[in-house]
Amino acid sequence: MSECVSVDGIPIGNGHPCYFMAEIAGNFGNEEEAVRIVDAAVRAGARAIKFQTLDPETITTRSNRFDMEAVGTRLQYEVFAETATPETLQLFLVDYCRRRNITVFSAPSHLKDLDLISRFDSPAYKIGSDLATHIPLLRELATTGKPIFLSTGMCTMAEVETSVNAIQQAGSSPVLLFHCVSNYPGNPAEQNLLAMVAMKEKFGLPTGFSDHTIGIDIARAAIALGADMIERHFWVEGNLEGPDRPISSDEKEFSRLVQSSHYIAAARGNGVKKPTPDELRNMRTNRVSIIVMEDIAAGSLLTAANLDIRRPGDGLPPRMWDEVIGCRAATHLKAEQPLRPEHISRE
């Protein structure tokens, strides 16, 4: 169980319902598309909208190239110059999300981005995996006291610990951790969801999964393992199809994920191994016990020949078989009746 952190009035962790974040960066390009994608995310059950604040001049060098399936080997500067969301559109998006009563926040890509993000009056911050070890940035954000969602793709556990400690020592901001694998699209065999479990156990913080795989099967598995929150890229029909489109859920798929989280969480239970209420009712007919197999006169020996173990289950349990054999019937017993303690004479 992880500690509970409240983000914009919504509790996350400590057994509360899984928190769903729709990452929409790169999947809208104007105000009309922003409205369309936010409306769809609200209908799908997202609790938060997350986008990216970046400047191609500060996020990368001019010569650095991608090497990922989603974008090939293009210059990163060119890709970010094409996909960066203009300041006016970011401000419009934040205002529209608040009108729709859905939490909204951004992920900076450089310390300079905080100047714009501070104008959003954001209830939380998201740090992408690329900046997970950017200690100066983490320290700066920690002084705000606002929750920090920290993605940990490409990190070792020691690096995660260093970053968490830096935040906690620099200010009062609560930390929420995302296990993440930084590849687009993600290879299911590399997702290592048990690392999410290990982080939750080590730090005791709300911990979830930032999903870059195609489809929602891996996210569902993360929920089954106890994810406190899920982040998935989100896209809507008619919008710009950016490089994140292949790993994005549409409204229907995202909604299925949200809905399935409820019964997955219920099925996960509390870990205490004992019969459920339905099983207690079924035990009488669907479990085995010691059964009398023929009429037995009072005082006669109980033997392996006149007893058996079979359904129903409301007689003496099979573990008492050795104790029963060789005893005598305390009363007349009829065939197929369950053997009970009052039927046995040990004299």
Protein backbone atom coordinates (compact mmCIF):
# COMPACT_ATOMS: atom_id res chain seq x y z
CA MET A 1 0.00 0.00 0.00
CA SER A 2 1.31 3.46 -0.89
CA GLU A 3 0.76 6.76 0.85
CA CYS A 4 -2.06 8.97 -0.42
CA VAL A 5 -1.39 12.19 -2.34
CA SER A 6 -4.16 14.60 -3.29
CA VAL A 7 -3.90 16.18 -6.74
CA ASP A 8 -6.44 18.89 -7.44
CA GLY A 9 -8.68 17.36 -4.78
CA ILE A 10 -8.45 13.80 -6.11
CA PRO A 11 -6.77 11.23 -3.82
CA ILE A 12 -4.18 8.95 -5.43
CA GLY A 13 -2.67 5.88 -3.79
CA ASN A 14 -3.49 4.06 -0.55
CA GLY A 15 -6.17 1.92 -2.21
CA HIS A 16 -8.02 4.73 -3.98
CA PRO A 17 -9.29 4.11 -7.55
CA CYS A 18 -6.67 4.14 -10.28
CA TYR A 19 -6.01 7.67 -11.58
CA PHE A 20 -6.03 8.06 -15.36
CA MET A 21 -3.97 10.69 -17.14
CA ALA A 22 -4.49 11.41 -20.85
CA GLU A 23 -1.29 12.61 -22.51
CA ILE A 24 -2.38 14.68 -25.53
CA ALA A 25 0.85 16.38 -26.61
CA GLY A 26 1.48 16.03 -30.34
CA ASN A 27 -2.13 14.98 -30.95
CA PHE A 28 -3.73 18.41 -31.39
CA GLY A 29 -2.70 21.46 -33.39
CA ASN A 30 -5.30 24.18 -32.95
CA GLU A 31 -8.11 25.31 -30.66
CA GLU A 32 -10.77 23.25 -32.43
CA GLU A 33 -8.68 20.10 -32.04
CA ALA A 34 -7.92 20.99 -28.41
CA VAL A 35 -11.64 21.21 -27.65
CA ARG A 36 -12.33 17.95 -29.44
CA ILE A 37 -9.61 15.98 -27.69
CA VAL A 38 -10.41 17.36 -24.21
CA ASP A 39 -14.12 16.61 -24.62
CA ALA A 40 -13.30 13.07 -25.71
CA ALA A 41 -10.90 12.52 -22.78
CA VAL A 42 -13.55 13.70 -20.32
CA ARG A 43 -16.09 11.29 -21.81
CA ALA A 44 -13.54 8.47 -21.70
CA GLY A 45 -13.02 8.87 -17.95
CA ALA A 46 -9.64 10.62 -17.75
CA ARG A 47 -9.06 12.45 -14.48
CA ALA A 48 -6.31 14.67 -15.89
CA ILE A 49 -5.08 16.10 -19.17
CA LYS A 50 -1.33 16.35 -19.58
CA PHE A 51 0.55 18.12 -22.36
CA GLN A 52 4.12 19.30 -22.97
CA THR A 53 5.71 22.71 -22.72
CA LEU A 54 8.88 22.78 -24.78
CA ASP A 55 11.04 25.03 -26.86
CA PRO A 56 13.02 23.36 -29.65
CA GLU A 57 15.84 25.81 -28.91
CA THR A 58 16.34 24.49 -25.36
CA ILE A 59 15.20 20.86 -25.43
CA THR A 60 18.00 19.49 -27.62
CA THR A 61 21.09 20.31 -29.62
CA ARG A 62 20.73 20.93 -33.35
CA SER A 63 22.64 17.79 -34.32
CA ASN A 64 20.92 15.26 -32.04
CA ARG A 65 18.85 12.63 -33.82
CA PHE A 66 16.08 10.28 -32.78
CA ASP A 67 16.59 6.54 -33.18
CA MET A 68 13.09 5.19 -32.55
CA GLU A 69 10.49 3.45 -34.67
CA ALA A 70 7.90 6.21 -34.16
CA VAL A 71 10.03 8.95 -35.78
CA GLY A 72 12.94 7.16 -37.38
CA THR A 73 16.31 8.92 -37.28
CA ARG A 74 15.16 12.48 -37.89
CA LEU A 75 16.83 15.46 -36.24
CA GLN A 76 15.13 16.01 -32.92
CA TYR A 77 15.20 19.79 -33.37
CA GLU A 78 13.15 19.50 -36.56
CA VAL A 79 10.57 17.19 -34.97
CA PHE A 80 10.14 19.42 -31.92
CA ALA A 81 9.91 22.51 -34.10
CA GLU A 82 7.01 20.88 -35.95
CA THR A 83 5.16 19.51 -32.92
CA ALA A 84 5.74 22.14 -30.19
CA THR A 85 2.46 23.64 -28.96
CA PRO A 86 2.40 27.46 -29.27
CA GLU A 87 2.09 29.44 -26.05
CA THR A 88 -1.32 30.86 -26.95
CA LEU A 89 -2.66 27.37 -27.65
CA GLN A 90 -1.31 26.07 -24.32
CA LEU A 91 -3.07 28.89 -22.49
CA PHE A 92 -6.29 28.17 -24.37
CA LEU A 93 -6.03 24.47 -23.52
CA VAL A 94 -5.56 25.15 -19.81
CA ASP A 95 -8.55 27.51 -19.77
CA TYR A 96 -10.76 25.05 -21.64
CA CYS A 97 -9.82 22.14 -19.38
CA ARG A 98 -10.82 24.18 -16.35
CA ARG A 99 -14.13 25.04 -17.98
CA ARG A 100 -14.66 21.29 -18.46
CA ASN A 101 -13.67 20.67 -14.82
CA ILE A 102 -10.78 18.33 -15.62
CA THR A 103 -7.33 18.65 -14.04
CA VAL A 104 -4.68 19.91 -16.44
CA PHE A 105 -0.92 20.26 -16.14
CA SER A 106 2.17 20.27 -18.30
CA ALA A 107 5.59 18.65 -18.49
CA PRO A 108 8.47 21.12 -18.88
CA SER A 109 11.49 20.24 -20.96
CA HIS A 110 13.87 22.85 -19.56
CA LEU A 111 14.15 25.16 -16.57
CA LYS A 112 13.19 28.06 -18.83
CA ASP A 113 9.82 26.40 -19.50
CA LEU A 114 8.81 27.04 -15.89
CA ASP A 115 8.22 30.72 -16.68
CA LEU A 116 5.31 29.82 -18.95
CA ILE A 117 4.05 26.94 -16.81
CA SER A 118 3.87 29.25 -13.78
CA ARG A 119 1.20 31.22 -15.64
CA PHE A 120 -1.01 28.10 -15.75
CA ASP A 121 -1.31 28.00 -11.93
CA SER A 122 -0.91 24.26 -12.38
CA PRO A 123 -2.04 21.97 -9.52
CA ALA A 124 0.84 19.57 -10.25
CA TYR A 125 3.86 19.05 -12.44
CA LYS A 126 4.83 16.11 -14.65
CA ILE A 127 8.48 15.33 -15.25
CA GLY A 128 9.21 13.16 -18.25
CA SER A 129 11.78 10.41 -18.18
CA ASP A 130 14.25 12.54 -20.14
CA LEU A 131 14.46 14.91 -17.15
CA ALA A 132 14.16 12.32 -14.38
CA THR A 133 17.77 12.90 -13.32
CA HIS A 134 17.69 16.71 -13.82
CA ILE A 135 18.34 17.48 -10.15
CA PRO A 136 18.40 21.30 -10.50
CA LEU A 137 14.95 21.22 -12.13
CA LEU A 138 13.57 18.80 -9.53
CA ARG A 139 14.84 20.98 -6.70
CA GLU A 140 13.26 24.05 -8.25
CA LEU A 141 9.89 22.35 -8.59
CA ALA A 142 10.09 20.97 -5.05
CA THR A 143 9.98 24.52 -3.68
CA THR A 144 6.47 25.00 -5.10
CA GLY A 145 4.97 22.43 -2.74
CA LYS A 146 2.87 21.08 -5.60
CA PRO A 147 2.76 17.34 -6.38
CA ILE A 148 5.35 16.09 -8.86
CA PHE A 149 4.63 13.13 -11.14
CA LEU A 150 8.06 11.68 -11.91
CA SER A 151 8.48 9.29 -14.85
CA THR A 152 11.46 6.99 -14.45
CA GLY A 153 12.16 5.57 -17.90
CA MET A 154 15.86 4.87 -18.58
CA CYS A 155 16.54 5.04 -14.80
CA THR A 156 18.13 2.61 -12.39
CA MET A 157 16.61 2.23 -8.93
CA ALA A 158 19.59 4.15 -7.51
CA GLU A 159 18.88 7.05 -9.86
CA VAL A 160 15.21 7.07 -8.86
CA GLU A 161 16.27 7.19 -5.22
CA THR A 162 18.61 10.11 -5.89
CA SER A 163 15.85 12.07 -7.63
CA VAL A 164 13.24 11.32 -4.95
CA ASN A 165 15.67 12.36 -2.23
CA ALA A 166 16.50 15.58 -4.08
CA ILE A 167 12.83 16.54 -4.23
CA GLN A 168 12.11 15.63 -0.64
CA GLN A 169 15.15 17.46 0.69
CA ALA A 170 14.59 20.62 -1.37
CA GLY A 171 10.94 21.29 -0.55
CA SER A 172 7.53 19.99 0.41
CA SER A 173 6.27 18.69 -2.94
CA PRO A 174 4.73 15.19 -2.71
CA VAL A 175 6.17 12.71 -5.21
CA LEU A 176 4.24 10.27 -7.38
CA LEU A 177 6.29 7.78 -9.41
CA PHE A 178 5.65 6.40 -12.87
CA HIS A 179 7.43 3.26 -13.98
CA CYS A 180 8.11 3.79 -17.66
CA VAL A 181 10.08 2.26 -20.51
CA SER A 182 11.31 4.96 -22.89
CA ASN A 183 10.78 3.45 -26.30
CA TYR A 184 8.08 4.31 -28.84
CA PRO A 185 6.27 2.05 -29.36
CA GLY A 186 7.22 -0.02 -26.34
CA ASN A 187 8.10 -3.69 -26.66
CA PRO A 188 5.75 -5.63 -24.32
CA ALA A 189 8.58 -7.99 -23.38
CA GLU A 190 10.62 -5.05 -22.06
CA GLN A 191 7.97 -3.45 -19.83
CA ASN A 192 9.17 -5.13 -16.61
CA LEU A 193 6.05 -4.27 -14.65
CA LEU A 194 7.45 -5.85 -11.51
CA ALA A 195 9.82 -2.87 -11.36
CA MET A 196 6.72 -0.77 -10.69
CA VAL A 197 5.89 -3.05 -7.78
CA ALA A 198 9.47 -2.84 -6.52
CA MET A 199 9.41 0.97 -6.58
CA LYS A 200 6.15 1.10 -4.66
CA GLU A 201 7.55 -1.25 -2.03
CA LYS A 202 10.84 0.65 -1.74
CA PHE A 203 9.55 4.22 -1.59
CA GLY A 204 5.99 3.81 -0.29
CA LEU A 205 4.84 6.48 -2.76
CA PRO A 206 1.89 6.40 -5.15
CA THR A 207 3.29 4.49 -8.12
CA GLY A 208 1.87 3.80 -11.54
CA PHE A 209 2.70 3.04 -15.14
CA SER A 210 3.29 5.42 -18.03
CA ASP A 211 2.37 3.26 -21.01
CA HIS A 212 3.95 3.55 -24.46
CA THR A 213 2.86 0.17 -25.79
CA ILE A 214 0.28 -0.39 -28.49
CA GLY A 215 -3.10 -1.36 -27.05
CA ILE A 216 -4.19 -1.52 -23.42
CA ASP A 217 -3.25 -5.07 -22.37
CA ILE A 218 -0.03 -4.00 -20.61
CA ALA A 219 -1.81 -1.17 -18.79
CA ARG A 220 -4.44 -3.62 -17.60
CA ALA A 221 -1.67 -5.88 -16.28
CA ALA A 222 -0.17 -2.91 -14.44
CA ILE A 223 -3.53 -2.23 -12.79
CA ALA A 224 -3.74 -5.88 -11.75
CA LEU A 225 -0.33 -5.49 -10.11
CA GLY A 226 -1.53 -2.49 -8.12
CA ALA A 227 -0.82 0.60 -10.26
CA ASP A 228 -2.12 3.70 -8.50
CA MET A 229 -2.22 5.62 -11.79
CA ILE A 230 -1.96 5.09 -15.52
CA GLU A 231 -0.76 7.52 -18.15
CA ARG A 232 -1.59 6.85 -21.79
CA HIS A 233 -1.27 8.95 -24.91
CA PHE A 234 -4.68 10.00 -26.18
CA TRP A 235 -5.95 10.89 -29.64
CA VAL A 236 -9.32 11.63 -31.17
CA GLU A 237 -10.65 11.06 -34.69
CA GLY A 238 -10.22 14.11 -36.90
CA ASN A 239 -7.21 15.50 -35.05
CA LEU A 240 -3.63 15.92 -36.11
CA GLU A 241 -1.81 12.58 -36.33
CA GLY A 242 1.56 13.27 -34.79
CA PRO A 243 4.37 10.80 -34.05
CA ASP A 244 2.55 9.63 -30.90
CA ARG A 245 -0.50 8.45 -32.80
CA PRO A 246 0.51 4.71 -32.95
CA ILE A 247 0.77 4.50 -29.14
CA SER A 248 -2.33 6.59 -28.44
CA SER A 249 -5.73 5.31 -27.33
CA ASP A 250 -8.89 6.74 -28.83
CA GLU A 251 -11.95 7.48 -26.73
CA LYS A 252 -13.39 4.00 -27.04
CA GLU A 253 -10.17 2.19 -26.09
CA PHE A 254 -9.34 4.57 -23.24
CA SER A 255 -12.87 4.19 -21.89
CA ARG A 256 -12.53 0.39 -21.95
CA LEU A 257 -9.33 0.71 -19.92
CA VAL A 258 -10.97 2.96 -17.32
CA GLN A 259 -14.00 0.71 -17.00
CA SER A 260 -11.94 -2.46 -16.73
CA SER A 261 -9.85 -0.91 -13.96
CA HIS A 262 -12.82 -1.11 -11.61
CA TYR A 263 -13.35 -4.86 -11.87
CA ILE A 264 -9.60 -5.53 -12.01
CA ALA A 265 -9.15 -3.63 -8.73
CA ALA A 266 -12.05 -5.51 -7.19
CA ALA A 267 -10.62 -8.82 -8.36
CA ARG A 268 -7.21 -7.97 -6.89
CA GLY A 269 -8.69 -8.16 -3.38
CA ASN A 270 -6.76 -7.81 -0.10
CA GLY A 271 -4.37 -10.74 -0.30
CA VAL A 272 -5.86 -12.63 2.66
CA LYS A 273 -6.34 -16.27 1.63
CA LYS A 274 -9.69 -17.44 3.00
CA PRO A 275 -13.05 -18.59 1.58
CA THR A 276 -15.17 -15.80 0.14
CA PRO A 277 -18.84 -15.37 1.16
CA ASP A 278 -19.91 -17.18 -2.02
CA GLU A 279 -17.45 -19.99 -1.35
CA LEU A 280 -18.72 -20.38 2.20
CA ARG A 281 -22.18 -20.94 0.76
CA ASN A 282 -20.85 -23.37 -1.87
CA MET A 283 -18.66 -25.36 0.49
CA ARG A 284 -21.63 -27.42 1.71
CA THR A 285 -22.33 -28.91 -1.72
CA ASN A 286 -19.06 -28.49 -3.62
CA ARG A 287 -16.50 -29.71 -1.11
CA VAL A 288 -15.78 -33.27 0.07
CA SER A 289 -16.19 -34.67 3.56
CA ILE A 290 -16.39 -38.11 5.20
CA ILE A 291 -19.59 -39.85 4.07
CA VAL A 292 -21.31 -43.00 5.39
CA MET A 293 -21.59 -45.41 2.45
CA GLU A 294 -23.94 -48.06 3.90
CA ASP A 295 -26.31 -48.48 6.82
CA ILE A 296 -24.21 -48.94 9.97
CA ALA A 297 -25.69 -50.26 13.23
CA ALA A 298 -24.92 -48.48 16.46
CA GLY A 299 -21.72 -49.86 18.02
CA SER A 300 -20.33 -51.14 14.70
CA LEU A 301 -16.80 -50.29 13.59
CA LEU A 302 -16.23 -47.44 11.18
CA THR A 303 -13.94 -48.74 8.42
CA ALA A 304 -12.56 -47.81 5.03
CA ALA A 305 -15.12 -50.23 3.60
CA ASN A 306 -18.21 -48.48 5.00
CA LEU A 307 -16.96 -44.85 4.70
CA ASP A 308 -15.72 -42.75 1.80
CA ILE A 309 -14.63 -39.20 1.02
CA ARG A 310 -16.87 -37.42 -1.46
CA ARG A 311 -19.33 -34.55 -1.79
CA PRO A 312 -21.21 -32.95 -0.03
CA GLY A 313 -18.92 -31.07 2.31
CA ASP A 314 -20.93 -30.69 5.51
CA GLY A 315 -19.51 -33.78 7.24
CA LEU A 316 -16.23 -34.26 9.06
CA PRO A 317 -13.26 -32.98 6.98
CA PRO A 318 -11.00 -35.51 5.20
CA ARG A 319 -8.09 -34.58 7.48
CA MET A 320 -9.91 -36.53 10.26
CA TRP A 321 -10.03 -39.78 8.26
CA ASP A 322 -7.29 -41.53 10.26
CA GLU A 323 -8.93 -40.53 13.55
CA VAL A 324 -12.32 -41.86 12.48
CA ILE A 325 -11.25 -45.25 11.15
CA GLY A 326 -11.47 -47.83 13.98
CA CYS A 327 -13.97 -45.88 16.02
CA ARG A 328 -17.54 -47.13 16.56
CA ALA A 329 -20.85 -45.68 15.49
CA ALA A 330 -22.54 -43.92 18.40
CA THR A 331 -25.93 -44.31 16.75
CA HIS A 332 -27.54 -45.98 13.76
CA LEU A 333 -26.19 -44.39 10.57
CA LYS A 334 -27.83 -44.35 7.17
CA ALA A 335 -26.12 -44.71 3.81
CA GLU A 336 -24.95 -41.45 2.17
CA GLN A 337 -25.30 -39.30 5.25
CA PRO A 338 -22.34 -37.06 6.14
CA LEU A 339 -20.47 -38.29 9.20
CA ARG A 340 -20.52 -35.78 12.08
CA PRO A 341 -18.83 -35.65 15.53
CA GLU A 342 -21.96 -36.84 17.36
CA HIS A 343 -21.99 -40.01 15.23
CA ILE A 344 -18.69 -41.25 16.66
CA SER A 345 -18.01 -43.21 19.84
CA ARG A 346 -14.36 -43.42 20.87
CA GLU A 347 -14.99 -45.86 23.76
